Every structure is written in structure tokens, then in C-alpha cells.
Protein backbone atom coordinates (compact mmCIF):
# COMPACT_ATOMS: atom_id res chain seq x y z
CA MET A 1 115.62 75.65 50.24
CA ALA A 2 119.56 76.35 49.51
CA SER A 3 120.31 79.57 47.07
CA PRO A 4 121.67 79.12 44.30
CA PRO A 5 125.50 80.72 44.03
CA SER A 6 126.77 83.71 42.29
CA THR A 7 127.66 83.24 39.14
CA SER A 8 131.04 84.68 40.02
CA THR A 9 131.91 81.60 42.93
CA ALA A 10 129.72 78.74 40.05
CA SER A 11 132.17 80.34 37.41
CA ALA A 12 135.66 80.06 39.42
CA PRO A 13 138.42 78.70 37.42
CA ILE A 14 140.23 75.05 36.85
CA PRO A 15 143.81 74.83 36.13
CA ALA A 16 144.60 72.96 33.31
CA ARG A 17 146.52 70.63 35.28
CA ALA A 18 143.31 70.03 37.84
CA TRP A 19 141.53 69.11 34.87
CA ARG A 20 144.84 66.43 33.48
CA ALA A 21 144.58 65.20 36.98
CA LEU A 22 140.86 64.46 36.35
CA VAL A 23 141.38 63.49 32.92
CA VAL A 24 144.35 60.37 34.94
CA GLY A 25 141.93 59.95 38.02
CA SER A 26 139.39 58.80 35.89
CA LEU A 27 141.09 57.10 33.70
CA GLY A 28 142.49 54.92 36.48
CA TYR A 29 138.66 53.88 38.38
CA SER A 30 137.36 53.63 34.54
CA LEU A 31 139.92 50.17 34.42
CA MET A 32 138.59 49.09 37.67
CA ALA A 33 134.86 49.82 36.80
CA PHE A 34 135.67 48.15 32.95
CA ASN A 35 136.90 44.88 35.07
CA THR A 36 133.55 44.53 36.97
CA THR A 37 131.58 43.54 34.14
CA ALA A 38 133.62 43.05 31.35
CA THR A 39 134.35 39.41 32.79
CA ASN A 40 130.28 38.15 33.01
CA LEU A 41 130.45 36.94 29.22
CA ALA A 42 133.86 35.12 29.30
CA PHE A 43 132.33 32.34 31.95
CA GLY A 44 131.62 30.22 29.22
CA ASP A 45 134.61 30.23 27.74
CA ILE A 46 136.99 30.01 31.06
CA GLY A 47 134.89 26.87 31.93
CA ALA A 48 135.31 25.09 28.63
CA ASP A 49 139.45 26.15 29.34
CA PHE A 50 139.37 23.97 32.29
CA PRO A 51 137.17 21.66 31.72
CA GLY A 52 135.44 19.05 34.80
CA THR A 53 135.58 22.88 37.12
CA SER A 54 132.64 23.25 39.10
CA ALA A 55 129.68 26.29 38.28
CA ALA A 56 130.72 27.00 42.52
CA ALA A 57 134.51 27.40 41.42
CA LEU A 58 133.79 29.63 38.53
CA SER A 59 131.52 31.92 40.32
CA TRP A 60 134.18 33.11 42.75
CA VAL A 61 136.29 33.98 39.43
CA ALA A 62 133.68 37.03 39.57
CA SER A 63 133.18 37.01 43.73
CA ILE A 64 136.28 37.39 44.46
CA PHE A 65 137.27 40.75 42.67
CA PHE A 66 133.72 42.01 44.20
CA ILE A 67 133.96 41.00 48.05
CA GLY A 68 137.56 42.00 48.02
CA MET A 69 137.44 45.42 46.41
CA ALA A 70 134.50 45.84 48.59
CA SER A 71 136.15 44.63 51.39
CA LEU A 72 140.01 46.19 50.55
CA LEU A 73 138.20 49.87 50.41
CA PRO A 74 137.69 51.11 53.81
CA LEU A 75 141.69 50.62 54.85
CA SER A 76 142.77 51.73 51.29
CA GLY A 77 140.98 54.82 52.01
CA ARG A 78 142.22 55.15 54.89
CA LEU A 79 145.84 54.53 53.58
CA ALA A 80 146.07 56.80 50.87
CA ASP A 81 144.50 59.78 53.48
CA ARG A 82 147.81 58.72 55.83
CA MET A 83 150.62 58.09 53.01
CA GLY A 84 149.62 60.11 50.10
CA ARG A 85 146.47 59.66 47.62
CA ARG A 86 149.21 59.90 44.85
CA ARG A 87 151.29 56.85 45.63
CA ILE A 88 148.92 54.52 46.28
CA PHE A 89 146.90 55.31 43.08
CA ARG A 90 150.29 54.71 41.58
CA ALA A 91 150.46 51.58 43.77
CA GLY A 92 147.18 50.38 42.76
CA LEU A 93 147.59 50.85 39.17
CA VAL A 94 150.73 48.41 39.35
CA ALA A 95 149.33 45.88 41.41
CA PHE A 96 146.13 46.12 38.92
CA ALA A 97 148.59 45.15 35.92
CA ILE A 98 149.74 42.92 38.31
CA GLY A 99 146.91 40.91 38.95
CA SER A 100 145.70 41.18 34.97
CA VAL A 101 148.62 39.99 33.53
CA LEU A 102 148.95 36.96 36.37
CA ALA A 103 144.73 35.84 35.02
CA ALA A 104 145.85 35.84 31.77
CA LEU A 105 148.24 33.24 32.03
CA ALA A 106 146.53 31.59 34.99
CA PRO A 107 146.63 27.59 34.27
CA THR A 108 144.68 26.48 37.31
CA VAL A 109 141.30 28.23 38.02
CA LEU A 110 143.22 29.09 41.27
CA VAL A 111 145.33 30.60 40.10
CA LEU A 112 142.68 32.96 38.23
CA ILE A 113 140.60 33.78 41.28
CA ILE A 114 143.22 34.27 42.95
CA ALA A 115 145.29 36.52 40.37
CA ARG A 116 141.37 38.18 40.47
CA LEU A 117 142.23 38.54 44.10
CA VAL A 118 145.17 41.38 43.23
CA THR A 119 143.60 42.90 40.77
CA ALA A 120 140.75 43.46 43.54
CA ALA A 121 143.18 44.87 45.62
CA GLY A 122 144.35 47.12 42.72
CA GLY A 123 140.95 47.88 42.58
CA ALA A 124 140.34 49.27 46.08
CA MET A 125 143.70 51.16 46.14
CA ILE A 126 142.81 53.18 42.88
CA VAL A 127 139.41 53.92 43.35
CA PRO A 128 139.05 56.51 46.57
CA SER A 129 142.57 57.77 45.90
CA SER A 130 142.06 57.98 42.05
CA LEU A 131 139.44 61.70 43.05
CA ALA A 132 140.76 62.12 46.31
CA VAL A 133 144.16 63.16 44.60
CA VAL A 134 142.50 65.27 41.56
CA LEU A 135 139.92 67.25 44.12
CA THR A 136 142.91 68.85 45.77
CA GLU A 137 143.16 70.53 42.68
CA PHE A 138 140.01 72.10 42.22
CA PRO A 139 138.65 74.68 44.16
CA LYS A 140 135.81 73.53 46.32
CA GLU A 141 133.08 75.39 44.93
CA ARG A 142 134.05 73.59 41.38
CA HIS A 143 134.03 70.13 43.49
CA PHE A 144 131.16 68.75 42.05
CA SER A 145 131.90 69.43 38.51
CA ALA A 146 134.80 67.34 39.02
CA VAL A 147 133.00 64.36 40.84
CA ALA A 148 130.14 64.59 38.26
CA PHE A 149 132.75 63.50 35.49
CA TRP A 150 134.56 61.30 37.94
CA SER A 151 131.64 59.25 39.11
CA ALA A 152 129.78 58.54 35.76
CA THR A 153 133.68 57.36 33.47
CA GLY A 154 133.34 54.37 36.02
CA PRO A 155 129.51 53.72 35.16
CA LEU A 156 129.80 54.65 31.22
CA ALA A 157 132.86 51.73 31.75
CA ALA A 158 131.10 49.00 32.90
CA THR A 159 128.08 49.66 30.29
CA VAL A 160 130.45 49.40 27.77
CA ALA A 161 132.44 46.79 29.11
CA PRO A 162 129.50 44.36 28.09
CA GLY A 163 129.41 44.76 24.23
CA LEU A 164 133.10 45.87 24.23
CA SER A 165 133.86 42.20 25.88
CA ALA A 166 131.25 40.71 23.84
CA MET A 167 133.35 41.58 20.52
CA ILE A 168 136.94 40.35 21.93
CA LEU A 169 135.41 37.14 23.06
CA ALA A 170 134.18 36.64 19.53
CA VAL A 171 137.35 37.16 17.77
CA PHE A 172 139.88 36.16 20.19
CA SER A 173 140.11 34.26 24.16
CA TRP A 174 139.07 35.48 27.34
CA ARG A 175 142.49 35.76 28.55
CA LEU A 176 143.16 38.72 25.99
CA LEU A 177 140.39 40.33 27.92
CA PHE A 178 142.07 39.98 31.26
CA LEU A 179 145.06 40.87 29.62
CA LEU A 180 143.85 44.39 28.47
CA SER A 181 143.96 45.54 31.49
CA ALA A 182 148.00 45.34 32.41
CA PRO A 183 149.19 47.83 29.40
CA VAL A 184 146.27 50.28 29.97
CA ALA A 185 147.65 50.13 33.46
CA LEU A 186 151.41 50.84 32.81
CA LEU A 187 149.13 53.83 30.38
CA ILE A 188 147.65 55.24 32.77
CA LEU A 189 150.41 54.89 35.63
CA ILE A 190 152.93 56.85 33.42
CA GLY A 191 150.23 59.80 32.96
CA SER A 192 149.99 60.27 36.46
CA PHE A 193 153.81 61.38 36.15
CA GLY A 194 153.05 64.34 34.37
CA SER A 195 149.65 65.03 35.98
CA LEU A 196 149.27 63.92 39.74
CA HIS A 197 150.80 65.70 42.81
CA GLU A 198 150.88 64.70 45.88
CA SER A 199 148.59 64.80 48.24
CA LYS A 200 147.79 63.50 52.08
CA SER A 201 146.72 64.69 55.65
CA GLU A 202 148.80 66.30 58.17
CA LYS A 203 151.43 63.71 59.96
CA PRO A 204 149.23 61.44 62.14
CA SER A 205 150.06 60.61 65.23
CA GLY A 206 150.39 57.19 66.33
CA THR A 207 149.75 54.25 64.52
CA LEU A 208 146.97 52.92 62.77
CA ASP A 209 144.28 50.42 64.88
CA LEU A 210 145.54 46.95 63.40
CA VAL A 211 142.07 45.78 65.12
CA GLY A 212 139.81 47.70 63.72
CA VAL A 213 141.39 47.20 60.42
CA VAL A 214 140.76 43.46 60.98
CA LEU A 215 137.37 43.80 62.26
CA GLY A 216 136.37 46.13 59.21
CA THR A 217 137.21 43.85 56.92
CA ALA A 218 136.23 41.24 57.79
CA VAL A 219 132.86 42.72 58.61
CA VAL A 220 132.38 44.51 55.07
CA ALA A 221 133.72 40.57 53.69
CA GLY A 222 130.69 39.03 55.82
CA LEU A 223 127.87 41.29 54.45
CA VAL A 224 128.93 41.07 51.00
CA PHE A 225 130.10 37.07 50.88
CA SER A 226 126.64 36.22 52.43
CA ALA A 227 124.69 38.56 49.61
CA SER A 228 127.29 37.63 47.22
CA PHE A 229 126.48 33.51 47.70
CA GLY A 230 123.16 33.19 49.79
CA SER A 231 121.41 32.59 45.88
CA GLN A 232 124.18 29.39 45.68
CA LYS A 233 124.18 28.26 48.15
CA GLY A 234 120.69 28.81 50.25
CA TRP A 235 120.07 31.33 52.90
CA THR A 236 119.78 29.13 55.74
CA SER A 237 122.94 27.02 54.86
CA PRO A 238 125.45 27.15 57.72
CA THR A 239 128.19 29.02 55.32
CA ILE A 240 125.59 31.95 54.76
CA VAL A 241 124.18 31.90 58.36
CA GLY A 242 127.56 32.56 59.56
CA ALA A 243 129.18 35.40 57.71
CA PHE A 244 126.32 37.10 58.41
CA LEU A 245 126.67 36.47 62.19
CA THR A 246 130.24 37.13 62.17
CA ALA A 247 129.48 41.30 60.37
CA VAL A 248 126.61 41.35 62.86
CA VAL A 249 128.52 40.50 65.62
CA LEU A 250 131.40 42.16 64.77
CA PHE A 251 130.28 45.79 63.71
CA PRO A 252 129.54 47.42 67.38
CA VAL A 253 133.19 45.80 68.15
CA PHE A 254 134.56 47.58 64.98
CA VAL A 255 132.32 50.62 66.01
CA GLN A 256 133.31 51.02 69.90
CA ARG A 257 136.75 50.65 68.40
CA CYS A 258 136.15 53.79 66.27
CA ARG A 259 134.88 55.97 68.80
CA THR A 260 137.89 54.82 71.62
CA HIS A 261 141.16 54.69 69.77
CA PRO A 262 143.16 57.61 68.69
CA GLN A 263 143.74 56.25 64.91
CA PRO A 264 140.56 54.88 64.25
CA LEU A 265 140.10 53.37 60.98
CA LEU A 266 136.79 54.89 60.41
CA ASP A 267 136.20 58.64 61.62
CA ILE A 268 132.61 57.52 62.96
CA LYS A 269 132.52 61.75 64.21
CA VAL A 270 132.11 62.57 60.43
CA PHE A 271 130.03 59.59 59.17
CA THR A 272 127.31 61.07 61.83
CA LEU A 273 127.10 64.19 60.20
CA PRO A 274 123.61 65.09 59.70
CA ALA A 275 124.49 65.33 55.85
CA VAL A 276 126.98 62.85 55.40
CA ALA A 277 124.78 59.68 57.39
CA VAL A 278 121.66 60.35 55.61
CA ALA A 279 123.27 61.00 52.39
CA ASN A 280 124.57 57.40 52.74
CA VAL A 281 121.02 55.58 52.83
CA ALA A 282 120.55 57.49 50.28
CA ASN A 283 123.55 55.66 48.07
CA PHE A 284 122.45 52.40 49.71
CA LEU A 285 118.20 52.81 48.61
CA LEU A 286 119.87 53.76 44.95
CA ASN A 287 122.46 51.60 45.14
CA PHE A 288 120.30 48.40 45.65
CA ALA A 289 118.40 48.64 42.61
CA GLY A 290 121.43 50.53 40.63
CA LEU A 291 123.79 48.14 40.06
CA ALA A 292 121.40 45.36 40.41
CA THR A 293 119.89 47.12 37.21
CA TRP A 294 122.91 45.85 34.88
CA LEU A 295 122.52 42.41 35.77
CA VAL A 296 118.80 42.43 35.35
CA TRP A 297 118.76 43.64 31.90
CA PRO A 298 121.64 41.11 30.10
CA LEU A 299 119.84 38.55 31.81
CA PHE A 300 116.84 39.52 30.10
CA PHE A 301 118.05 40.02 27.20
CA THR A 302 119.85 36.94 26.80
CA ARG A 303 117.19 34.94 28.27
CA VAL A 304 113.96 35.58 27.60
CA TRP A 305 114.54 37.19 24.22
CA GLY A 306 117.18 35.07 23.27
CA PHE A 307 120.03 37.99 21.87
CA SER A 308 123.21 36.98 21.30
CA LYS A 309 126.47 38.65 23.21
CA MET A 310 127.64 41.23 20.70
CA GLN A 311 123.04 41.89 20.87
CA THR A 312 122.67 42.62 25.17
CA GLY A 313 126.38 44.49 24.64
CA LEU A 314 124.41 46.91 21.59
CA ALA A 315 121.78 46.77 24.34
CA LEU A 316 122.91 48.49 26.60
CA MET A 317 124.23 51.10 25.01
CA PRO A 318 121.88 53.87 25.58
CA GLY A 319 122.37 54.28 29.31
CA PRO A 320 125.70 54.90 29.02
CA ILE A 321 125.35 56.73 26.07
CA VAL A 322 122.51 59.72 27.76
CA SER A 323 124.39 59.11 30.68
CA GLY A 324 127.81 60.74 29.69
CA VAL A 325 125.72 63.45 27.62
CA VAL A 326 124.34 63.95 31.21
CA THR A 327 127.09 64.14 32.63
CA ILE A 328 128.60 67.29 31.07
CA PHE A 329 126.01 69.60 32.39
CA GLY A 330 124.80 67.60 35.35
CA GLY A 331 127.80 68.91 37.45
CA ARG A 332 127.47 72.78 36.87
CA LEU A 333 123.82 72.24 37.55
CA SER A 334 124.52 71.46 41.20
CA GLU A 335 127.20 73.78 40.68
CA ARG A 336 124.45 77.42 40.13
CA TYR A 337 120.88 75.81 41.39
CA GLY A 338 122.01 73.42 44.30
CA HIS A 339 123.06 69.36 44.31
CA GLU A 340 120.26 68.89 46.33
CA ARG A 341 117.18 69.77 44.06
CA ILE A 342 119.32 68.09 41.21
CA VAL A 343 119.19 64.77 43.34
CA SER A 344 116.24 64.72 43.91
CA THR A 345 115.61 65.52 40.19
CA GLY A 346 117.67 62.58 39.26
CA SER A 347 116.04 59.96 41.51
CA LEU A 348 112.40 60.39 40.23
CA ILE A 349 114.28 59.67 37.30
CA CYS A 350 115.56 56.98 38.10
CA THR A 351 112.14 55.69 39.99
CA ALA A 352 110.14 56.36 36.41
CA ALA A 353 113.21 54.38 34.78
CA VAL A 354 112.71 50.66 36.82
CA ILE A 355 108.56 51.92 36.56
CA TRP A 356 109.13 51.77 32.88
CA PRO A 357 109.50 47.65 32.62
CA LEU A 358 106.94 47.20 34.70
CA LEU A 359 104.73 48.48 31.63
CA PHE A 360 105.64 47.67 28.86
CA LEU A 361 108.41 44.29 29.46
CA GLN A 362 106.83 41.53 27.16
CA GLU A 363 108.06 38.04 26.52
CA THR A 364 108.00 38.84 22.64
CA PRO A 365 111.30 41.09 21.39
CA ARG A 366 109.64 45.07 21.67
CA TYR A 367 113.65 46.35 22.01
CA LEU A 368 111.78 50.27 21.30
CA LEU A 369 109.69 49.75 23.64
CA VAL A 370 112.23 49.36 26.78
CA ALA A 371 115.36 51.03 25.49
CA PRO A 372 113.58 55.06 26.76
CA ALA A 373 113.51 52.61 30.15
CA LEU A 374 117.77 51.84 29.90
CA GLY A 375 118.27 56.51 28.89
CA LEU A 376 115.74 57.48 31.69
CA PHE A 377 118.08 54.92 34.52
CA GLY A 378 121.56 56.60 33.02
CA MET A 379 120.42 59.56 33.18
CA GLY A 380 118.66 59.57 36.67
CA TRP A 381 121.08 57.78 37.97
CA SER A 382 124.37 60.98 36.53
CA LEU A 383 121.65 62.83 37.95
CA THR A 384 121.87 61.39 41.62
CA TYR A 385 125.26 60.30 42.66
CA PRO A 386 127.70 61.70 41.40
CA PRO A 387 126.21 65.03 43.27
CA LEU A 388 125.14 63.11 45.95
CA ASN A 389 129.45 61.84 46.19
CA SER A 390 130.66 65.38 46.14
CA GLY A 391 127.73 66.56 48.21
CA VAL A 392 128.98 64.21 51.48
CA LEU A 393 132.77 65.33 50.50
CA THR A 394 132.17 68.86 50.90
CA ARG A 395 131.12 68.90 54.92
CA VAL A 396 134.45 66.93 55.59
CA GLN A 397 138.28 68.54 55.36
CA PRO A 398 140.58 67.72 52.36
CA ALA A 399 142.45 65.37 54.65
CA LEU A 400 139.23 62.64 54.72
CA PHE A 401 138.46 62.82 50.78
CA GLY A 402 140.35 59.53 50.62
CA GLU A 403 138.34 58.11 53.36
CA VAL A 404 135.10 59.30 53.35
CA ASN A 405 135.07 57.97 49.52
CA ALA A 406 136.00 54.95 50.30
CA SER A 407 133.18 54.31 52.50
CA PHE A 408 130.56 56.00 50.11
CA ASN A 409 131.78 53.65 47.66
CA THR A 410 132.13 50.56 50.04
CA VAL A 411 128.28 51.74 50.70
CA ARG A 412 127.10 51.67 46.97
CA ASN A 413 129.15 47.88 47.12
CA ILE A 414 127.23 46.35 49.65
CA ALA A 415 123.86 47.70 48.66
CA GLY A 416 124.67 46.82 45.02
CA ALA A 417 125.61 43.58 46.31
CA LEU A 418 122.29 42.66 48.04
CA GLY A 419 120.81 43.77 45.35
CA ILE A 420 122.62 41.35 42.66
CA ALA A 421 121.44 38.55 45.36
CA VAL A 422 117.78 39.71 45.04
CA ALA A 423 117.08 40.12 41.79
CA VAL A 424 119.24 36.54 41.13
CA THR A 425 117.19 35.16 43.63
CA VAL A 426 113.70 35.97 42.27
CA ILE A 427 114.61 35.44 38.68
CA GLY A 428 116.09 31.38 39.64
CA PRO A 429 117.07 29.23 36.49
CA ALA A 430 117.37 30.09 33.19
CA ASP A 431 114.39 27.29 32.64
CA ARG A 432 111.82 28.09 35.19
CA PRO A 433 108.22 29.46 33.60
CA ASN A 434 106.10 32.54 33.41
CA PRO A 435 110.12 34.37 33.63
CA LEU A 436 108.55 37.84 32.36
CA VAL A 437 106.69 37.73 36.13
CA ALA A 438 109.78 37.19 38.04
CA TYR A 439 111.37 39.60 35.95
CA GLN A 440 108.17 42.37 37.05
CA GLN A 441 108.97 41.58 40.57
CA VAL A 442 112.16 42.43 40.30
CA PHE A 443 111.69 45.79 38.64
CA LEU A 444 108.82 46.35 41.56
CA ALA A 445 111.73 45.91 44.14
CA PHE A 446 113.50 48.16 42.45
CA ALA A 447 111.24 50.06 42.16
CA VAL A 448 109.87 50.79 45.91
CA SER A 449 114.53 51.26 46.46
CA VAL A 450 114.53 54.37 44.62
CA PHE A 451 111.09 55.89 45.47
CA LEU A 452 112.55 55.68 48.68
CA CYS A 453 115.80 57.04 48.01
CA TRP A 454 113.18 60.01 46.21
CA VAL A 455 111.65 60.58 49.80
CA VAL A 456 114.68 60.73 51.34
CA LEU A 457 116.36 62.73 49.70
CA ARG A 458 112.81 65.16 49.07
CA PHE A 459 111.91 65.51 52.55
CA TRP A 460 115.30 64.62 54.56
CA TYR A 461 118.89 65.36 52.88
CA ARG A 462 118.04 68.22 51.06
CA PRO A 463 116.46 70.04 54.66
CA VAL A 464 119.37 68.47 56.71
CA SER A 465 121.64 69.44 53.78
CA VAL A 466 120.55 73.21 53.96
CA ARG A 467 120.87 73.39 57.59
CA ALA A 468 124.62 73.17 56.77
CA GLN A 469 125.91 75.11 54.54
CA THR A 470 123.55 77.63 56.24
CA ALA A 471 125.34 76.95 60.21
CA ASP A 472 128.78 76.94 57.68
CA LYS A 473 128.07 80.16 56.33
CA ALA A 474 127.41 81.39 59.96
CA ALA A 475 130.86 80.28 61.42
CA ASP A 476 132.51 81.85 58.59
CA SER A 477 131.39 85.06 59.61
CA PRO A 478 133.31 88.05 61.10
CA LEU A 479 130.66 88.96 62.71
């Protein structure tokens, strides 16, 4: 078992400029996360403005953002390390602002979809660079606090988004919902000039493997596309099967390119490190439920309990509130007691949170019976994902921060897409009979996934991580 850091190590001072950088980077991440869920309530209004548009076409407004961002994350992380984290962060903010304005002014659904793709490209640049540019400012032993704060701001924004967007849609238009992101992005861009310093890996020798870039992007896009549209188009449809097989066939080719090319898209040696590999297994299992949970609860509240948009947004609030409070302490707890203990405890709390609905969910509205599940999940997730993300980054050199963080988030997005696909398939249409049974089945699947995450973290990741720390101390010893 890992021994806790010494008091002096755990209390290493953090420069004021590091805190400023963390605030700016976290705001950028929050802006991206807000847009992943803020538009979920706007599809009815968008469809009303574009009469005759099919539901399949409207679904692309949301799906293209998710697919585009997940597909471009690995490339964006690599470019951030090579070209400069601050430069890519700023470019992402500019792209995000442009895409938001285009979306607000879109005269057709096709233009709106293209605008969302531009926004997704900006988001893909923001996510890895917004953390990588910050970590170089923090002492290594305080990375857990930095990553905990950064990691929590995204889900907080994503969870708050439905309630805030409901208020905007109730008074204004869906176009304002998109437009508001533009000035926020520009304000964050302005803030970056006084708080962020440029950082990147040492000047690389050779050209980035462009073939590997295409292969890697195609693999992720194929996986996320098939997961996102499988329930809509049918899991055996030629389009879905073709996308999935494309990803499966290209994946070993991509891995081989990464193993042999001098400047690959991903440094495979890093991702085969035991602590990094096992952490990504836990990352996948956690976020299979983690991202989908915040879709399942709104569906249940609106379809089964008949909540309004405003009521649904307010009903989700225990999650971000508890998450925000716990995040304040989570990073420091990881630094003091070892993140292996904290992530194991957090995943166990998440398991309890998704088992809770199996015991107390009813077709009759009884919100106070289920509110604890929302709060528990916010607590458990904040004690698991941020420290696990930071734990991965402590295993790699600073030159790889952008690449590794992007890949960690890519795994999270792929897992989330699969979890959402399973949930949508099991829940079925809004008018299905016995809806409560379907939601219970979904939460049971989530419980199995998160419990397996706890097993991985408790009995596999903890020993691997502790051995890695011991090896590092031995390597650093002058003896």
C-alpha cells in the first residue's frame, strides 16, 4: 500500500500564476462540456424552425459534435505537445467561437451541422491543451489538486447546462443558446494572454505520421459513429456494421504504424505501461455509466414522471453541487493519502449510486427517494475520475501531457458513446409499456460496469501503481 506523502511534499506551495492558469484552463474545459449537454433540450425548438426536417437529420446536430470531438482528440493532443499547448488552446477557443456564431445564424440544418463540427474541432483542441498548459505551472506533487479542479469543472458545467438552457429556451431562442458561447470563448481567450505560458515538448525530429493520423481518426470515428447511431439505424444495418468493421480492421494497422514510425500519433510504449493501461480499463468501465447516467435521468424525469424542462434541470442539481464540494477536498486527499485509496473508495460510492435506483425508483414521482443517488454519483465520480486522470499523467513525462490526456478523454468518450447507445436501446420509445423495468435494467448494467471498475481499481490498479512508485523511488535513489 502506498505510503502518504510527507507533509512538506503534500503542502508544496503553488505559485499565484499557476492558479490563474488553472482558472483559465478550467473555464475553457467548462465551455466545451457545457455545449455537450446544453443543446439536448433544444431539438424540439430547432425542428420547429426547420419544418420538414427529419428526426435523423436533427440527431446529427448533437451527434456530430460528439463524434467530431472524440475523433480529433488524439490529433489535437499530439499537436499541442508538438506546436505548443497555449497556441492550440487559443486556436481551439477561436474555432469554438466561430462555430458558435455560425450555429446561431444557421439558415439550414445542414449549415447548423457543419457549424457544430467546427465547434467540435475547437473543443477537441481545448480539452487536452487546457490541462497540459496548466500542469507545467504546478509542482508535480500538487498535480492531483490541479487535475481534480480541472476535471470537475467539465462535468459540473455539463450537468448545470440542461437547467440553464431550459431557462434560456423558455424566454429566448435556441439561437441565443449557441450564440452565448462565442463571447465566453473570447473572454477566456483574452484571459489567456495574462495567465498562460507557452510549453511544448522538445523540438521533434521528423514529420508527424500523417497516415497514422488518418488511421487513428478513422478508428475512433468508426467506433463512436456505430455506438451513437446503432440504436437508431439498427445494429445490423450495413452502415453500422461497416463503420464498426472499418474500426476493427484499421485498429491493428494503426497500432503497427505507431510502433514503427519515428513520429507516431500515439506513443504506444506509454500506453502499455501497466499503470496507464489498467487506469484506462477503469476509465472505460467508469464512464460507460458516467456519461450515460446524465442522459438516463433526464429521460426518466421527463418521460416517466412528466417533469418540465425546468423541473428536470433543477432535479439534476444534487450531482454538480455535491461534485463541486467534494472536488475541493478530493485532490488534497489524493496527495495526502495516495490516489489509489481515493479512486477505489470513489468507485465504490458510484456503485452504490447506480444500485440506489434499483431499490427506490418508482413510477409515481418521489423525488426525495432518488435525489441521494444523484448526489452520491457526483461524489463518487469526483473521487474517482479526476485522481485517476492525474495518476495517469504522473506516470508520463511532461512532454506527453497533451497526448496522454487527449487519449484518456478519448477512451472516456468512446465508453460514454457505448453506454448511451446501450441505454437508448434498452429504454426504447417514450410510449413503451412498463418503462420502469427498462430503466431498472439500464441501472443494473451501469451497476455491473461500475462495480467492475471498483474491482479493477482495488485489486489490479492499486498494486500496479504502488509497484511503479516504488520503482521510481529506487531509480531516483543515489544508491
